[in-house]
Amino acid sequence: MVKNFKKIKLFVIFLSFFFLASVFVTKPLFAQNTEIETIYFTPQIEIPFSSISGETAVGSPDQDGNVTSDLLARYVKALYDYGIMIGGILAAIMLMGGGLIWLTSGGDSGKVTKAKSIITGSITGIVILMGAYFILNTINPDLVQMKGVKMIMPQNINDTEVTCCHPQQGPITISVKKVGNDLFYADSTNKIG
């Protein structure tokens, strides 16, 4: 009887230990957050003199989880504006350089010709730079008016695996599972979202 009691006692201790280990050692899993959060974008390279710097809101999701964002349009416009600004500054510097060469030529026809070609090239560059906008606007005004992008939440996802590239980790596989109207995913590092 004592032998059976020791076995039962050992079994109860083992069962208690197993139960406590399963409760306290495992990672808790949480259901998907039902609150719709705004997504933020932090550029790795900031564009000077633009509104895109630091943490910028990508867009605001609606009740269905669809996000309408004008971030790409603002980013391309900021790059275009920055390019126009740099091109204008370089053209002005070349115009001044050509004028300085002409002033210091001292009547040397070779230097005057070189100065005229620099000034002509500078003015031609400004005309091409500004003319591109006017030509695109004349052809179709939508070519110069960047519009937002609407990203729609996928509807028909059951169990899917997608391979994608992470900037630091390289290729990762993301498993997507749809349960009701909620999407759950796990990447190759087993992070659950």
N, C-alpha and C. Protein backbone atom coordinates (compact mmCIF):
# COMPACT_ATOMS: atom_id res chain seq x y z
N MET A 1 0.82 -1.19 0.00
CA MET A 1 0.00 0.00 0.00
C MET A 1 0.86 1.25 0.00
N VAL A 2 1.93 1.23 0.80
CA VAL A 2 2.83 2.37 0.87
C VAL A 2 3.50 2.60 -0.48
N LYS A 3 3.78 1.52 -1.18
CA LYS A 3 4.40 1.62 -2.49
C LYS A 3 3.46 2.29 -3.48
N ASN A 4 2.18 1.92 -3.47
CA ASN A 4 1.20 2.56 -4.35
C ASN A 4 0.99 4.03 -3.98
N PHE A 5 1.03 4.33 -2.66
CA PHE A 5 0.85 5.71 -2.22
C PHE A 5 2.00 6.58 -2.73
N LYS A 6 3.22 6.05 -2.74
CA LYS A 6 4.37 6.80 -3.25
C LYS A 6 4.23 7.04 -4.75
N LYS A 7 3.71 6.04 -5.47
CA LYS A 7 3.51 6.20 -6.91
C LYS A 7 2.43 7.25 -7.20
N ILE A 8 1.36 7.19 -6.41
CA ILE A 8 0.28 8.18 -6.60
C ILE A 8 0.79 9.58 -6.25
N LYS A 9 1.55 9.68 -5.16
CA LYS A 9 2.10 10.97 -4.75
C LYS A 9 3.05 11.50 -5.83
N LEU A 10 3.90 10.64 -6.37
CA LEU A 10 4.82 11.03 -7.43
C LEU A 10 4.06 11.45 -8.68
N PHE A 11 3.00 10.72 -9.01
CA PHE A 11 2.17 11.06 -10.18
C PHE A 11 1.49 12.42 -9.99
N VAL A 12 0.97 12.71 -8.82
CA VAL A 12 0.31 13.99 -8.53
C VAL A 12 1.32 15.13 -8.60
N ILE A 13 2.51 14.92 -8.07
CA ILE A 13 3.55 15.96 -8.13
C ILE A 13 3.95 16.22 -9.58
N PHE A 14 4.13 15.14 -10.34
CA PHE A 14 4.48 15.29 -11.76
C PHE A 14 3.36 16.01 -12.52
N LEU A 15 2.12 15.63 -12.27
CA LEU A 15 0.98 16.25 -12.94
C LEU A 15 0.87 17.73 -12.55
N SER A 16 1.09 18.06 -11.29
CA SER A 16 1.05 19.46 -10.83
C SER A 16 2.17 20.26 -11.49
N PHE A 17 3.37 19.68 -11.52
CA PHE A 17 4.49 20.36 -12.15
C PHE A 17 4.21 20.60 -13.64
N PHE A 18 3.70 19.60 -14.32
CA PHE A 18 3.37 19.73 -15.75
C PHE A 18 2.31 20.81 -15.97
N PHE A 19 1.28 20.83 -15.13
CA PHE A 19 0.22 21.84 -15.25
C PHE A 19 0.78 23.25 -15.02
N LEU A 20 1.57 23.43 -13.96
CA LEU A 20 2.14 24.75 -13.67
C LEU A 20 3.10 25.19 -14.77
N ALA A 21 3.89 24.25 -15.29
CA ALA A 21 4.82 24.59 -16.37
C ALA A 21 4.06 25.00 -17.62
N SER A 22 2.97 24.31 -17.92
CA SER A 22 2.21 24.67 -19.12
C SER A 22 1.52 26.01 -18.98
N VAL A 23 1.19 26.41 -17.77
CA VAL A 23 0.52 27.70 -17.56
C VAL A 23 1.53 28.85 -17.56
N PHE A 24 2.65 28.68 -16.86
CA PHE A 24 3.56 29.80 -16.66
C PHE A 24 4.72 29.88 -17.64
N VAL A 25 5.07 28.80 -18.31
CA VAL A 25 6.22 28.81 -19.19
C VAL A 25 5.85 29.18 -20.62
N THR A 26 4.66 28.86 -21.06
CA THR A 26 4.27 29.13 -22.45
C THR A 26 4.06 30.62 -22.68
N LYS A 27 4.22 31.01 -23.94
CA LYS A 27 3.99 32.41 -24.31
C LYS A 27 2.49 32.64 -24.44
N PRO A 28 2.00 33.74 -23.91
CA PRO A 28 0.57 34.03 -24.11
C PRO A 28 0.33 34.54 -25.53
N LEU A 29 -0.77 34.15 -26.12
CA LEU A 29 -1.17 34.63 -27.44
C LEU A 29 -2.35 35.56 -27.26
N PHE A 30 -2.30 36.67 -27.94
CA PHE A 30 -3.37 37.65 -27.83
C PHE A 30 -4.13 37.72 -29.14
N ALA A 31 -5.39 37.98 -29.04
CA ALA A 31 -6.21 38.14 -30.24
C ALA A 31 -5.81 39.43 -30.95
N GLN A 32 -6.19 39.53 -32.20
CA GLN A 32 -5.85 40.71 -32.99
C GLN A 32 -6.50 41.94 -32.38
N ASN A 33 -5.75 43.01 -32.37
CA ASN A 33 -6.25 44.27 -31.84
C ASN A 33 -7.40 44.76 -32.72
N THR A 34 -8.51 45.08 -32.10
CA THR A 34 -9.67 45.53 -32.88
C THR A 34 -9.63 47.03 -33.12
N GLU A 35 -8.77 47.74 -32.40
CA GLU A 35 -8.66 49.18 -32.65
C GLU A 35 -7.86 49.41 -33.93
N ILE A 36 -8.33 50.34 -34.73
CA ILE A 36 -7.64 50.66 -35.98
C ILE A 36 -6.63 51.76 -35.67
N GLU A 37 -5.36 51.46 -35.91
CA GLU A 37 -4.29 52.40 -35.59
C GLU A 37 -3.76 53.05 -36.85
N THR A 38 -3.27 54.27 -36.69
CA THR A 38 -2.65 54.97 -37.80
C THR A 38 -1.24 54.43 -37.98
N ILE A 39 -0.85 54.20 -39.22
CA ILE A 39 0.48 53.69 -39.54
C ILE A 39 1.40 54.88 -39.78
N TYR A 40 2.62 54.82 -39.23
CA TYR A 40 3.58 55.91 -39.39
C TYR A 40 4.77 55.44 -40.20
N PHE A 41 5.35 56.36 -40.97
CA PHE A 41 6.50 56.09 -41.82
C PHE A 41 7.63 57.01 -41.39
N THR A 42 8.80 56.45 -41.18
CA THR A 42 9.99 57.23 -40.87
C THR A 42 10.99 57.00 -41.99
N PRO A 43 11.26 58.02 -42.83
CA PRO A 43 12.17 57.82 -43.95
C PRO A 43 13.60 57.61 -43.46
N GLN A 44 14.33 56.73 -44.16
CA GLN A 44 15.73 56.52 -43.81
C GLN A 44 16.58 57.70 -44.28
N ILE A 45 16.17 58.32 -45.38
CA ILE A 45 16.85 59.51 -45.89
C ILE A 45 15.81 60.60 -46.00
N GLU A 46 15.97 61.65 -45.21
CA GLU A 46 15.00 62.74 -45.23
C GLU A 46 15.27 63.66 -46.41
N ILE A 47 14.21 64.17 -47.00
CA ILE A 47 14.33 65.12 -48.10
C ILE A 47 14.32 66.52 -47.49
N PRO A 48 15.39 67.29 -47.67
CA PRO A 48 15.43 68.63 -47.08
C PRO A 48 14.31 69.52 -47.62
N PHE A 49 13.85 70.42 -46.79
CA PHE A 49 12.83 71.42 -47.14
C PHE A 49 11.52 70.77 -47.57
N SER A 50 11.18 69.62 -46.99
CA SER A 50 9.91 68.97 -47.32
C SER A 50 9.14 68.69 -46.04
N SER A 51 7.87 68.36 -46.21
CA SER A 51 7.04 68.05 -45.05
C SER A 51 7.24 66.61 -44.59
N ILE A 52 8.02 65.84 -45.33
CA ILE A 52 8.25 64.43 -44.98
C ILE A 52 9.57 64.34 -44.22
N SER A 53 9.46 64.42 -42.91
CA SER A 53 10.64 64.28 -42.08
C SER A 53 10.18 63.73 -40.73
N GLY A 54 11.03 62.95 -40.12
CA GLY A 54 10.65 62.34 -38.86
C GLY A 54 9.56 61.31 -39.08
N GLU A 55 8.67 61.21 -38.13
CA GLU A 55 7.58 60.24 -38.22
C GLU A 55 6.40 60.88 -38.92
N THR A 56 6.01 60.35 -40.07
CA THR A 56 4.94 60.90 -40.89
C THR A 56 3.81 59.88 -40.99
N ALA A 57 2.59 60.33 -40.81
CA ALA A 57 1.44 59.43 -40.91
C ALA A 57 1.29 58.97 -42.36
N VAL A 58 1.17 57.66 -42.55
CA VAL A 58 1.00 57.10 -43.89
C VAL A 58 -0.40 57.39 -44.40
N GLY A 59 -1.37 57.15 -43.59
CA GLY A 59 -2.76 57.37 -43.97
C GLY A 59 -3.64 56.93 -42.83
N SER A 60 -4.91 57.13 -42.98
CA SER A 60 -5.82 56.74 -41.92
C SER A 60 -6.72 55.62 -42.40
N PRO A 61 -6.78 54.53 -41.63
CA PRO A 61 -7.64 53.42 -42.04
C PRO A 61 -9.10 53.72 -41.75
N ASP A 62 -9.98 53.17 -42.59
CA ASP A 62 -11.41 53.31 -42.33
C ASP A 62 -11.89 52.10 -41.52
N GLN A 63 -13.19 51.95 -41.36
CA GLN A 63 -13.73 50.88 -40.52
C GLN A 63 -13.44 49.49 -41.06
N ASP A 64 -13.28 49.36 -42.37
CA ASP A 64 -13.02 48.05 -42.98
C ASP A 64 -11.54 47.70 -42.98
N GLY A 65 -10.69 48.60 -42.51
CA GLY A 65 -9.25 48.36 -42.51
C GLY A 65 -8.56 48.84 -43.77
N ASN A 66 -9.30 49.43 -44.72
CA ASN A 66 -8.71 49.97 -45.94
C ASN A 66 -8.01 51.28 -45.61
N VAL A 67 -6.82 51.46 -46.15
CA VAL A 67 -6.03 52.66 -45.86
C VAL A 67 -5.91 53.49 -47.13
N THR A 68 -6.26 54.77 -47.03
CA THR A 68 -6.05 55.71 -48.13
C THR A 68 -4.87 56.58 -47.75
N SER A 69 -3.84 56.57 -48.59
CA SER A 69 -2.61 57.28 -48.26
C SER A 69 -2.15 58.14 -49.42
N ASP A 70 -1.69 59.33 -49.10
CA ASP A 70 -1.09 60.19 -50.11
C ASP A 70 0.41 60.34 -49.86
N LEU A 71 0.99 59.46 -49.03
CA LEU A 71 2.40 59.56 -48.69
C LEU A 71 3.30 59.40 -49.92
N LEU A 72 3.02 58.42 -50.77
CA LEU A 72 3.83 58.21 -51.97
C LEU A 72 3.78 59.45 -52.86
N ALA A 73 2.59 60.02 -53.02
CA ALA A 73 2.45 61.22 -53.85
C ALA A 73 3.23 62.38 -53.25
N ARG A 74 3.14 62.54 -51.93
CA ARG A 74 3.89 63.63 -51.28
C ARG A 74 5.39 63.40 -51.39
N TYR A 75 5.82 62.13 -51.28
CA TYR A 75 7.24 61.81 -51.36
C TYR A 75 7.79 62.10 -52.75
N VAL A 76 7.07 61.68 -53.79
CA VAL A 76 7.52 61.94 -55.16
C VAL A 76 7.52 63.44 -55.44
N LYS A 77 6.51 64.16 -54.96
CA LYS A 77 6.46 65.61 -55.15
C LYS A 77 7.61 66.29 -54.42
N ALA A 78 7.93 65.82 -53.21
CA ALA A 78 9.06 66.38 -52.47
C ALA A 78 10.37 66.15 -53.21
N LEU A 79 10.55 64.94 -53.78
CA LEU A 79 11.75 64.67 -54.59
C LEU A 79 11.81 65.58 -55.81
N TYR A 80 10.66 65.75 -56.48
CA TYR A 80 10.60 66.61 -57.67
C TYR A 80 10.93 68.05 -57.29
N ASP A 81 10.31 68.55 -56.23
CA ASP A 81 10.56 69.93 -55.80
C ASP A 81 12.03 70.13 -55.40
N TYR A 82 12.60 69.13 -54.72
CA TYR A 82 14.00 69.22 -54.33
C TYR A 82 14.90 69.22 -55.56
N GLY A 83 14.58 68.38 -56.55
CA GLY A 83 15.35 68.36 -57.79
C GLY A 83 15.26 69.68 -58.54
N ILE A 84 14.06 70.27 -58.59
CA ILE A 84 13.89 71.58 -59.24
C ILE A 84 14.72 72.63 -58.51
N MET A 85 14.70 72.58 -57.18
CA MET A 85 15.46 73.56 -56.39
C MET A 85 16.96 73.42 -56.65
N ILE A 86 17.47 72.19 -56.63
CA ILE A 86 18.90 71.97 -56.88
C ILE A 86 19.25 72.38 -58.30
N GLY A 87 18.41 72.01 -59.27
CA GLY A 87 18.66 72.39 -60.67
C GLY A 87 18.66 73.90 -60.85
N GLY A 88 17.73 74.60 -60.20
CA GLY A 88 17.69 76.06 -60.28
C GLY A 88 18.93 76.71 -59.67
N ILE A 89 19.36 76.17 -58.53
CA ILE A 89 20.56 76.72 -57.88
C ILE A 89 21.79 76.49 -58.76
N LEU A 90 21.92 75.27 -59.31
CA LEU A 90 23.07 74.99 -60.18
C LEU A 90 23.05 75.85 -61.44
N ALA A 91 21.85 76.06 -62.01
CA ALA A 91 21.74 76.90 -63.20
C ALA A 91 22.13 78.34 -62.87
N ALA A 92 21.72 78.84 -61.71
CA ALA A 92 22.08 80.21 -61.32
C ALA A 92 23.59 80.33 -61.10
N ILE A 93 24.20 79.31 -60.49
CA ILE A 93 25.65 79.34 -60.27
C ILE A 93 26.39 79.32 -61.61
N MET A 94 25.93 78.48 -62.54
CA MET A 94 26.57 78.43 -63.86
C MET A 94 26.37 79.75 -64.61
N LEU A 95 25.20 80.36 -64.46
CA LEU A 95 24.95 81.66 -65.10
C LEU A 95 25.91 82.71 -64.55
N MET A 96 26.09 82.72 -63.23
CA MET A 96 27.03 83.67 -62.62
C MET A 96 28.47 83.36 -63.03
N GLY A 97 28.80 82.05 -63.10
CA GLY A 97 30.15 81.67 -63.52
C GLY A 97 30.44 82.10 -64.95
N GLY A 98 29.45 81.91 -65.84
CA GLY A 98 29.62 82.36 -67.22
C GLY A 98 29.77 83.87 -67.30
N GLY A 99 28.99 84.59 -66.50
CA GLY A 99 29.12 86.05 -66.47
C GLY A 99 30.48 86.49 -65.95
N LEU A 100 30.97 85.80 -64.92
CA LEU A 100 32.28 86.14 -64.36
C LEU A 100 33.40 85.88 -65.37
N ILE A 101 33.30 84.77 -66.10
CA ILE A 101 34.31 84.47 -67.14
C ILE A 101 34.27 85.55 -68.23
N TRP A 102 33.07 85.97 -68.60
CA TRP A 102 32.93 87.00 -69.64
C TRP A 102 33.53 88.33 -69.15
N LEU A 103 33.26 88.67 -67.86
CA LEU A 103 33.79 89.93 -67.33
C LEU A 103 35.31 89.92 -67.25
N THR A 104 35.89 88.78 -66.95
CA THR A 104 37.34 88.72 -66.78
C THR A 104 38.06 88.27 -68.05
N SER A 105 37.34 88.19 -69.18
CA SER A 105 37.96 87.71 -70.42
C SER A 105 38.98 88.71 -70.97
N GLY A 106 38.81 89.97 -70.70
CA GLY A 106 39.74 90.98 -71.18
C GLY A 106 39.80 91.06 -72.70
N GLY A 107 38.68 90.76 -73.36
CA GLY A 107 38.63 90.87 -74.82
C GLY A 107 39.08 89.62 -75.53
N ASP A 108 39.48 88.56 -74.80
CA ASP A 108 39.89 87.31 -75.43
C ASP A 108 38.66 86.62 -76.00
N SER A 109 38.64 86.44 -77.34
CA SER A 109 37.45 85.90 -77.99
C SER A 109 37.18 84.45 -77.58
N GLY A 110 38.20 83.68 -77.25
CA GLY A 110 38.01 82.28 -76.81
C GLY A 110 37.26 82.21 -75.49
N LYS A 111 37.64 83.10 -74.55
CA LYS A 111 36.97 83.13 -73.25
C LYS A 111 35.54 83.64 -73.38
N VAL A 112 35.32 84.63 -74.25
CA VAL A 112 33.98 85.17 -74.46
C VAL A 112 33.08 84.08 -75.05
N THR A 113 33.59 83.32 -76.01
CA THR A 113 32.81 82.23 -76.61
C THR A 113 32.49 81.16 -75.56
N LYS A 114 33.47 80.83 -74.71
CA LYS A 114 33.25 79.86 -73.64
C LYS A 114 32.20 80.38 -72.66
N ALA A 115 32.27 81.66 -72.30
CA ALA A 115 31.31 82.26 -71.37
C ALA A 115 29.91 82.25 -71.98
N LYS A 116 29.81 82.58 -73.27
CA LYS A 116 28.50 82.58 -73.94
C LYS A 116 27.90 81.16 -73.95
N SER A 117 28.74 80.16 -74.20
CA SER A 117 28.22 78.78 -74.22
C SER A 117 27.77 78.34 -72.82
N ILE A 118 28.49 78.76 -71.78
CA ILE A 118 28.07 78.43 -70.40
C ILE A 118 26.75 79.10 -70.07
N ILE A 119 26.61 80.38 -70.42
CA ILE A 119 25.36 81.11 -70.15
C ILE A 119 24.21 80.51 -70.95
N THR A 120 24.46 80.18 -72.22
CA THR A 120 23.42 79.57 -73.05
C THR A 120 22.99 78.22 -72.49
N GLY A 121 23.96 77.41 -72.07
CA GLY A 121 23.65 76.11 -71.46
C GLY A 121 22.86 76.24 -70.18
N SER A 122 23.20 77.25 -69.37
CA SER A 122 22.48 77.48 -68.12
C SER A 122 21.03 77.87 -68.37
N ILE A 123 20.82 78.79 -69.30
CA ILE A 123 19.46 79.23 -69.62
C ILE A 123 18.67 78.09 -70.26
N THR A 124 19.32 77.31 -71.12
CA THR A 124 18.65 76.15 -71.73
C THR A 124 18.23 75.14 -70.66
N GLY A 125 19.09 74.92 -69.68
CA GLY A 125 18.76 74.01 -68.58
C GLY A 125 17.56 74.48 -67.79
N ILE A 126 17.49 75.78 -67.50
CA ILE A 126 16.34 76.33 -66.78
C ILE A 126 15.07 76.16 -67.60
N VAL A 127 15.15 76.42 -68.91
CA VAL A 127 13.97 76.29 -69.78
C VAL A 127 13.50 74.84 -69.82
N ILE A 128 14.43 73.89 -69.95
CA ILE A 128 14.06 72.47 -69.97
C ILE A 128 13.46 72.06 -68.63
N LEU A 129 14.08 72.52 -67.55
CA LEU A 129 13.62 72.19 -66.20
C LEU A 129 12.19 72.66 -65.97
N MET A 130 11.92 73.90 -66.31
CA MET A 130 10.57 74.45 -66.11
C MET A 130 9.61 74.00 -67.22
N GLY A 131 10.13 73.80 -68.42
CA GLY A 131 9.28 73.40 -69.53
C GLY A 131 8.70 72.01 -69.37
N ALA A 132 9.41 71.12 -68.69
CA ALA A 132 8.91 69.76 -68.49
C ALA A 132 7.58 69.79 -67.74
N TYR A 133 7.50 70.61 -66.71
CA TYR A 133 6.25 70.73 -65.95
C TYR A 133 5.12 71.25 -66.84
N PHE A 134 5.40 72.31 -67.59
CA PHE A 134 4.35 72.90 -68.43
C PHE A 134 3.90 71.95 -69.54
N ILE A 135 4.83 71.19 -70.11
CA ILE A 135 4.46 70.22 -71.15
C ILE A 135 3.59 69.12 -70.56
N LEU A 136 4.00 68.56 -69.41
CA LEU A 136 3.19 67.52 -68.78
C LEU A 136 1.82 68.05 -68.38
N ASN A 137 1.77 69.27 -67.87
CA ASN A 137 0.50 69.86 -67.47
C ASN A 137 -0.39 70.11 -68.68
N THR A 138 0.20 70.46 -69.82
CA THR A 138 -0.58 70.70 -71.03
C THR A 138 -1.14 69.38 -71.58
N ILE A 139 -0.33 68.33 -71.58
CA ILE A 139 -0.78 67.03 -72.09
C ILE A 139 -1.92 66.49 -71.24
N ASN A 140 -1.68 66.41 -69.95
CA ASN A 140 -2.70 65.88 -69.03
C ASN A 140 -2.40 66.41 -67.63
N PRO A 141 -3.27 67.23 -67.06
CA PRO A 141 -3.01 67.79 -65.73
C PRO A 141 -2.85 66.72 -64.64
N ASP A 142 -3.41 65.52 -64.86
CA ASP A 142 -3.25 64.46 -63.86
C ASP A 142 -1.81 63.96 -63.77
N LEU A 143 -0.99 64.25 -64.78
CA LEU A 143 0.41 63.81 -64.74
C LEU A 143 1.22 64.59 -63.72
N VAL A 144 0.80 65.79 -63.36
CA VAL A 144 1.54 66.59 -62.39
C VAL A 144 0.83 66.68 -61.05
N GLN A 145 -0.39 66.18 -60.98
CA GLN A 145 -1.13 66.17 -59.71
C GLN A 145 -1.10 64.76 -59.16
N MET A 146 -0.23 64.54 -58.20
CA MET A 146 -0.11 63.21 -57.62
C MET A 146 -1.31 62.94 -56.72
N LYS A 147 -1.90 61.78 -56.87
CA LYS A 147 -3.08 61.41 -56.09
C LYS A 147 -2.72 60.32 -55.09
N GLY A 148 -3.55 60.20 -54.08
CA GLY A 148 -3.34 59.19 -53.06
C GLY A 148 -3.61 57.79 -53.57
N VAL A 149 -3.16 56.82 -52.80
CA VAL A 149 -3.33 55.41 -53.13
C VAL A 149 -4.26 54.80 -52.09
N LYS A 150 -5.21 53.98 -52.55
CA LYS A 150 -6.10 53.29 -51.61
C LYS A 150 -5.67 51.84 -51.54
N MET A 151 -5.26 51.42 -50.34
CA MET A 151 -4.85 50.04 -50.11
C MET A 151 -6.01 49.30 -49.48
N ILE A 152 -6.48 48.26 -50.16
CA ILE A 152 -7.67 47.54 -49.72
C ILE A 152 -7.25 46.29 -48.95
N MET A 153 -7.91 46.07 -47.82
CA MET A 153 -7.66 44.88 -47.01
C MET A 153 -8.04 43.64 -47.81
N PRO A 154 -7.16 42.64 -47.90
CA PRO A 154 -7.50 41.42 -48.64
C PRO A 154 -8.73 40.74 -48.03
N GLN A 155 -9.62 40.26 -48.88
CA GLN A 155 -10.87 39.67 -48.40
C GLN A 155 -10.86 38.15 -48.41
N ASN A 156 -10.29 37.53 -49.42
CA ASN A 156 -10.39 36.08 -49.58
C ASN A 156 -9.10 35.37 -49.20
N ILE A 157 -8.64 35.57 -48.00
CA ILE A 157 -7.43 34.89 -47.53
C ILE A 157 -7.85 33.81 -46.55
N ASN A 158 -7.44 32.59 -46.81
CA ASN A 158 -7.68 31.51 -45.86
C ASN A 158 -6.36 31.18 -45.19
N ASP A 159 -5.61 30.26 -45.73
CA ASP A 159 -4.27 29.97 -45.24
C ASP A 159 -3.30 30.19 -46.38
N THR A 160 -2.40 31.15 -46.23
CA THR A 160 -1.50 31.53 -47.31
C THR A 160 -0.11 31.73 -46.74
N GLU A 161 0.91 31.44 -47.53
CA GLU A 161 2.29 31.77 -47.17
C GLU A 161 2.85 32.71 -48.22
N VAL A 162 3.47 33.78 -47.75
CA VAL A 162 4.04 34.78 -48.64
C VAL A 162 5.51 34.93 -48.27
N THR A 163 6.40 34.93 -49.27
CA THR A 163 7.81 35.16 -49.01
C THR A 163 8.15 36.58 -49.41
N CYS A 164 8.83 37.26 -48.53
CA CYS A 164 9.13 38.66 -48.76
C CYS A 164 10.52 38.95 -48.22
N CYS A 165 11.05 40.09 -48.47
CA CYS A 165 12.42 40.40 -48.08
C CYS A 165 12.43 41.44 -46.98
N HIS A 166 13.07 41.11 -45.86
CA HIS A 166 13.21 42.02 -44.73
C HIS A 166 14.53 42.77 -44.89
N PRO A 167 14.56 44.08 -44.62
CA PRO A 167 15.79 44.86 -44.86
C PRO A 167 17.01 44.35 -44.10
N GLN A 168 16.83 43.84 -42.87
CA GLN A 168 17.97 43.37 -42.10
C GLN A 168 18.12 41.85 -42.13
N GLN A 169 17.00 41.10 -42.15
CA GLN A 169 17.06 39.65 -42.00
C GLN A 169 17.11 38.91 -43.32
N GLY A 170 16.82 39.55 -44.43
CA GLY A 170 16.78 38.86 -45.71
C GLY A 170 15.41 38.26 -45.95
N PRO A 171 15.34 37.18 -46.75
CA PRO A 171 14.03 36.59 -47.07
C PRO A 171 13.35 35.99 -45.84
N ILE A 172 12.09 36.32 -45.63
CA ILE A 172 11.30 35.74 -44.56
C ILE A 172 9.99 35.25 -45.15
N THR A 173 9.42 34.25 -44.52
CA THR A 173 8.13 33.71 -44.97
C THR A 173 7.08 34.12 -43.96
N ILE A 174 5.99 34.67 -44.46
CA ILE A 174 4.90 35.10 -43.60
C ILE A 174 3.70 34.21 -43.87
N SER A 175 3.17 33.60 -42.81
CA SER A 175 1.97 32.78 -42.93
C SER A 175 0.78 33.63 -42.52
N VAL A 176 -0.23 33.70 -43.36
CA VAL A 176 -1.42 34.49 -43.08
C VAL A 176 -2.60 33.54 -42.91
N LYS A 177 -3.35 33.74 -41.84
CA LYS A 177 -4.51 32.90 -41.57
C LYS A 177 -5.70 33.80 -41.29
N LYS A 178 -6.83 33.52 -41.92
CA LYS A 178 -8.04 34.31 -41.71
C LYS A 178 -8.97 33.51 -40.81
N VAL A 179 -9.36 34.12 -39.71
CA VAL A 179 -10.32 33.53 -38.78
C VAL A 179 -11.47 34.52 -38.67
N GLY A 180 -12.59 34.20 -39.26
CA GLY A 180 -13.71 35.14 -39.29
C GLY A 180 -13.32 36.33 -40.15
N ASN A 181 -13.40 37.53 -39.58
CA ASN A 181 -12.99 38.74 -40.30
C ASN A 181 -11.61 39.21 -39.88
N ASP A 182 -10.94 38.46 -39.00
CA ASP A 182 -9.65 38.88 -38.48
C ASP A 182 -8.53 38.15 -39.22
N LEU A 183 -7.43 38.88 -39.49
CA LEU A 183 -6.25 38.29 -40.12
C LEU A 183 -5.17 38.13 -39.07
N PHE A 184 -4.55 36.96 -39.04
CA PHE A 184 -3.44 36.70 -38.15
C PHE A 184 -2.26 36.28 -39.02
N TYR A 185 -1.07 36.68 -38.62
CA TYR A 185 0.10 36.31 -39.40
C TYR A 185 1.21 35.90 -38.46
N ALA A 186 2.11 35.08 -38.96
CA ALA A 186 3.32 34.69 -38.23
C ALA A 186 4.45 34.67 -39.24
N ASP A 187 5.54 35.37 -38.92
CA ASP A 187 6.68 35.33 -39.84
C ASP A 187 7.61 34.20 -39.43
N SER A 188 8.74 34.08 -40.14
CA SER A 188 9.63 32.95 -39.91
C SER A 188 10.31 33.01 -38.55
N THR A 189 10.21 34.15 -37.85
CA THR A 189 10.75 34.24 -36.50
C THR A 189 9.67 33.92 -35.47
N ASN A 190 8.50 33.45 -35.96
CA ASN A 190 7.37 33.04 -35.13
C ASN A 190 6.78 34.18 -34.31
N LYS A 191 6.87 35.37 -34.81
CA LYS A 191 6.20 36.49 -34.16
C LYS A 191 4.76 36.50 -34.64
N ILE A 192 3.85 36.55 -33.73
CA ILE A 192 2.42 36.53 -34.06
C ILE A 192 1.91 37.96 -34.05
N GLY A 193 1.15 38.32 -35.08
CA GLY A 193 0.61 39.67 -35.16
C GLY A 193 -0.88 39.64 -35.24
